[in-house]
Amino acid sequence: MQRVLIISGILLIAAGVGWRWLSRLPLGHLHGDLNVVRPGFSFHLPIVTCIVISVVLTILIWLFRR
Protein backbone atom coordinates (compact mmCIF):
# COMPACT_ATOMS: atom_id res chain seq x y z
CA MET A 1 0.00 0.00 0.00
CA GLN A 2 2.86 2.37 0.75
CA ARG A 3 4.32 1.86 -2.71
CA VAL A 4 0.97 2.62 -4.37
CA LEU A 5 0.56 5.84 -2.39
CA ILE A 6 4.10 6.98 -3.15
CA ILE A 7 3.72 6.27 -6.87
CA SER A 8 0.32 8.02 -6.92
CA GLY A 9 1.83 11.05 -5.22
CA ILE A 10 4.71 11.20 -7.68
CA LEU A 11 2.30 10.94 -10.63
CA LEU A 12 0.13 13.74 -9.23
CA ILE A 13 3.16 15.98 -8.73
CA ALA A 14 4.36 15.21 -12.27
CA ALA A 15 0.90 16.02 -13.66
CA GLY A 16 0.87 19.29 -11.73
CA VAL A 17 4.29 20.28 -13.01
CA GLY A 18 3.46 19.31 -16.59
CA TRP A 19 -0.04 20.78 -16.62
CA ARG A 20 0.92 23.44 -19.17
CA TRP A 21 1.69 20.73 -21.72
CA LEU A 22 -0.99 18.28 -20.60
CA SER A 23 -3.74 20.86 -21.10
CA ARG A 24 -2.86 21.01 -24.81
CA LEU A 25 -3.87 17.36 -25.30
CA PRO A 26 -7.30 16.99 -26.90
CA LEU A 27 -8.63 14.81 -24.07
CA GLY A 28 -12.22 15.75 -23.30
CA HIS A 29 -12.76 17.02 -26.84
CA LEU A 30 -12.46 13.80 -28.83
CA HIS A 31 -14.94 12.73 -31.51
CA GLY A 32 -17.67 10.74 -29.79
CA ASP A 33 -17.75 12.85 -26.63
CA LEU A 34 -21.25 14.15 -26.04
CA ASN A 35 -21.66 17.89 -25.76
CA VAL A 36 -25.18 19.36 -25.59
CA VAL A 37 -25.58 23.14 -25.37
CA ARG A 38 -29.04 24.69 -25.01
CA PRO A 39 -30.06 28.12 -23.74
CA GLY A 40 -29.52 28.01 -19.98
CA PHE A 41 -28.23 24.42 -20.06
CA SER A 42 -25.05 22.63 -21.07
CA PHE A 43 -24.07 19.00 -20.69
CA HIS A 44 -20.71 17.37 -21.45
CA LEU A 45 -20.11 13.59 -21.26
CA PRO A 46 -16.59 12.52 -22.32
CA ILE A 47 -17.39 8.89 -23.23
CA VAL A 48 -14.56 8.32 -25.72
CA THR A 49 -12.03 10.11 -23.51
CA CYS A 50 -12.91 7.80 -20.61
CA ILE A 51 -12.54 4.75 -22.86
CA VAL A 52 -9.13 5.91 -24.13
CA ILE A 53 -7.87 6.61 -20.59
CA SER A 54 -9.20 3.23 -19.41
CA VAL A 55 -7.44 1.34 -22.21
CA VAL A 56 -4.14 3.16 -21.63
CA LEU A 57 -4.24 2.55 -17.86
CA THR A 58 -5.18 -1.11 -18.38
CA ILE A 59 -2.21 -1.62 -20.70
CA LEU A 60 0.17 0.16 -18.29
CA ILE A 61 -1.01 -1.88 -15.31
CA TRP A 62 -0.76 -5.08 -17.33
CA LEU A 63 2.81 -4.22 -18.37
CA PHE A 64 3.91 -3.33 -14.82
CA ARG A 65 2.50 -6.57 -13.36
CA ARG A 66 4.59 -8.74 -15.73
C-alpha atoms as a PDB file:
ATOM      1  CA  MET A   1       0.000   0.000   0.000  1.00  0.00           C
ATOM      2  CA  GLN A   2       2.864   2.373   0.746  1.00  0.00           C
ATOM      3  CA  ARG A   3       4.325   1.856  -2.709  1.00  0.00           C
ATOM      4  CA  VAL A   4       0.967   2.618  -4.367  1.00  0.00           C
ATOM      5  CA  LEU A   5       0.564   5.840  -2.386  1.00  0.00           C
ATOM      6  CA  ILE A   6       4.104   6.985  -3.148  1.00  0.00           C
ATOM      7  CA  ILE A   7       3.717   6.270  -6.873  1.00  0.00           C
ATOM      8  CA  SER A   8       0.323   8.018  -6.917  1.00  0.00           C
ATOM      9  CA  GLY A   9       1.834  11.052  -5.224  1.00  0.00           C
ATOM     10  CA  ILE A  10       4.713  11.196  -7.682  1.00  0.00           C
ATOM     11  CA  LEU A  11       2.300  10.940 -10.627  1.00  0.00           C
ATOM     12  CA  LEU A  12       0.125  13.742  -9.233  1.00  0.00           C
ATOM     13  CA  ILE A  13       3.155  15.977  -8.729  1.00  0.00           C
ATOM     14  CA  ALA A  14       4.361  15.212 -12.270  1.00  0.00           C
ATOM     15  CA  ALA A  15       0.897  16.021 -13.656  1.00  0.00           C
ATOM     16  CA  GLY A  16       0.866  19.295 -11.730  1.00  0.00           C
ATOM     17  CA  VAL A  17       4.294  20.282 -13.007  1.00  0.00           C
ATOM     18  CA  GLY A  18       3.463  19.308 -16.591  1.00  0.00           C
ATOM     19  CA  TRP A  19      -0.041  20.777 -16.620  1.00  0.00           C
ATOM     20  CA  ARG A  20       0.923  23.444 -19.169  1.00  0.00           C
ATOM     21  CA  TRP A  21       1.686  20.726 -21.717  1.00  0.00           C
ATOM     22  CA  LEU A  22      -0.995  18.278 -20.597  1.00  0.00           C
ATOM     23  CA  SER A  23      -3.740  20.855 -21.100  1.00  0.00           C
ATOM     24  CA  ARG A  24      -2.864  21.013 -24.810  1.00  0.00           C
ATOM     25  CA  LEU A  25      -3.867  17.362 -25.300  1.00  0.00           C
ATOM     26  CA  PRO A  26      -7.300  16.990 -26.899  1.00  0.00           C
ATOM     27  CA  LEU A  27      -8.630  14.810 -24.068  1.00  0.00           C
ATOM     28  CA  GLY A  28     -12.218  15.755 -23.300  1.00  0.00           C
ATOM     29  CA  HIS A  29     -12.763  17.023 -26.841  1.00  0.00           C
ATOM     30  CA  LEU A  30     -12.465  13.799 -28.832  1.00  0.00           C
ATOM     31  CA  HIS A  31     -14.942  12.732 -31.506  1.00  0.00           C
ATOM     32  CA  GLY A  32     -17.672  10.737 -29.792  1.00  0.00           C
ATOM     33  CA  ASP A  33     -17.749  12.848 -26.632  1.00  0.00           C
ATOM     34  CA  LEU A  34     -21.250  14.146 -26.036  1.00  0.00           C
ATOM     35  CA  ASN A  35     -21.658  17.892 -25.759  1.00  0.00           C
ATOM     36  CA  VAL A  36     -25.178  19.362 -25.586  1.00  0.00           C
ATOM     37  CA  VAL A  37     -25.581  23.139 -25.366  1.00  0.00           C
ATOM     38  CA  ARG A  38     -29.036  24.688 -25.010  1.00  0.00           C
ATOM     39  CA  PRO A  39     -30.063  28.123 -23.740  1.00  0.00           C
ATOM     40  CA  GLY A  40     -29.516  28.006 -19.983  1.00  0.00           C
ATOM     41  CA  PHE A  41     -28.234  24.415 -20.055  1.00  0.00           C
ATOM     42  CA  SER A  42     -25.054  22.632 -21.073  1.00  0.00           C
ATOM     43  CA  PHE A  43     -24.067  18.999 -20.694  1.00  0.00           C
ATOM     44  CA  HIS A  44     -20.705  17.370 -21.449  1.00  0.00           C
ATOM     45  CA  LEU A  45     -20.108  13.595 -21.256  1.00  0.00           C
ATOM     46  CA  PRO A  46     -16.589  12.522 -22.320  1.00  0.00           C
ATOM     47  CA  ILE A  47     -17.392   8.887 -23.226  1.00  0.00           C
ATOM     48  CA  VAL A  48     -14.558   8.324 -25.719  1.00  0.00           C
ATOM     49  CA  THR A  49     -12.027  10.114 -23.508  1.00  0.00           C
ATOM     50  CA  CYS A  50     -12.911   7.798 -20.612  1.00  0.00           C
ATOM     51  CA  ILE A  51     -12.542   4.747 -22.860  1.00  0.00           C
ATOM     52  CA  VAL A  52      -9.129   5.914 -24.127  1.00  0.00           C
ATOM     53  CA  ILE A  53      -7.873   6.610 -20.594  1.00  0.00           C
ATOM     54  CA  SER A  54      -9.202   3.231 -19.405  1.00  0.00           C
ATOM     55  CA  VAL A  55      -7.441   1.340 -22.211  1.00  0.00           C
ATOM     56  CA  VAL A  56      -4.138   3.158 -21.628  1.00  0.00           C
ATOM     57  CA  LEU A  57      -4.245   2.549 -17.863  1.00  0.00           C
ATOM     58  CA  THR A  58      -5.183  -1.109 -18.375  1.00  0.00           C
ATOM     59  CA  ILE A  59      -2.208  -1.622 -20.698  1.00  0.00           C
ATOM     60  CA  LEU A  60       0.171   0.160 -18.293  1.00  0.00           C
ATOM     61  CA  ILE A  61      -1.008  -1.876 -15.308  1.00  0.00           C
ATOM     62  CA  TRP A  62      -0.755  -5.081 -17.332  1.00  0.00           C
ATOM     63  CA  LEU A  63       2.810  -4.218 -18.368  1.00  0.00           C
ATOM     64  CA  PHE A  64       3.911  -3.331 -14.820  1.00  0.00           C
ATOM     65  CA  ARG A  65       2.499  -6.570 -13.364  1.00  0.00           C
ATOM     66  CA  ARG A  66       4.592  -8.737 -15.725  1.00  0.00           C
END
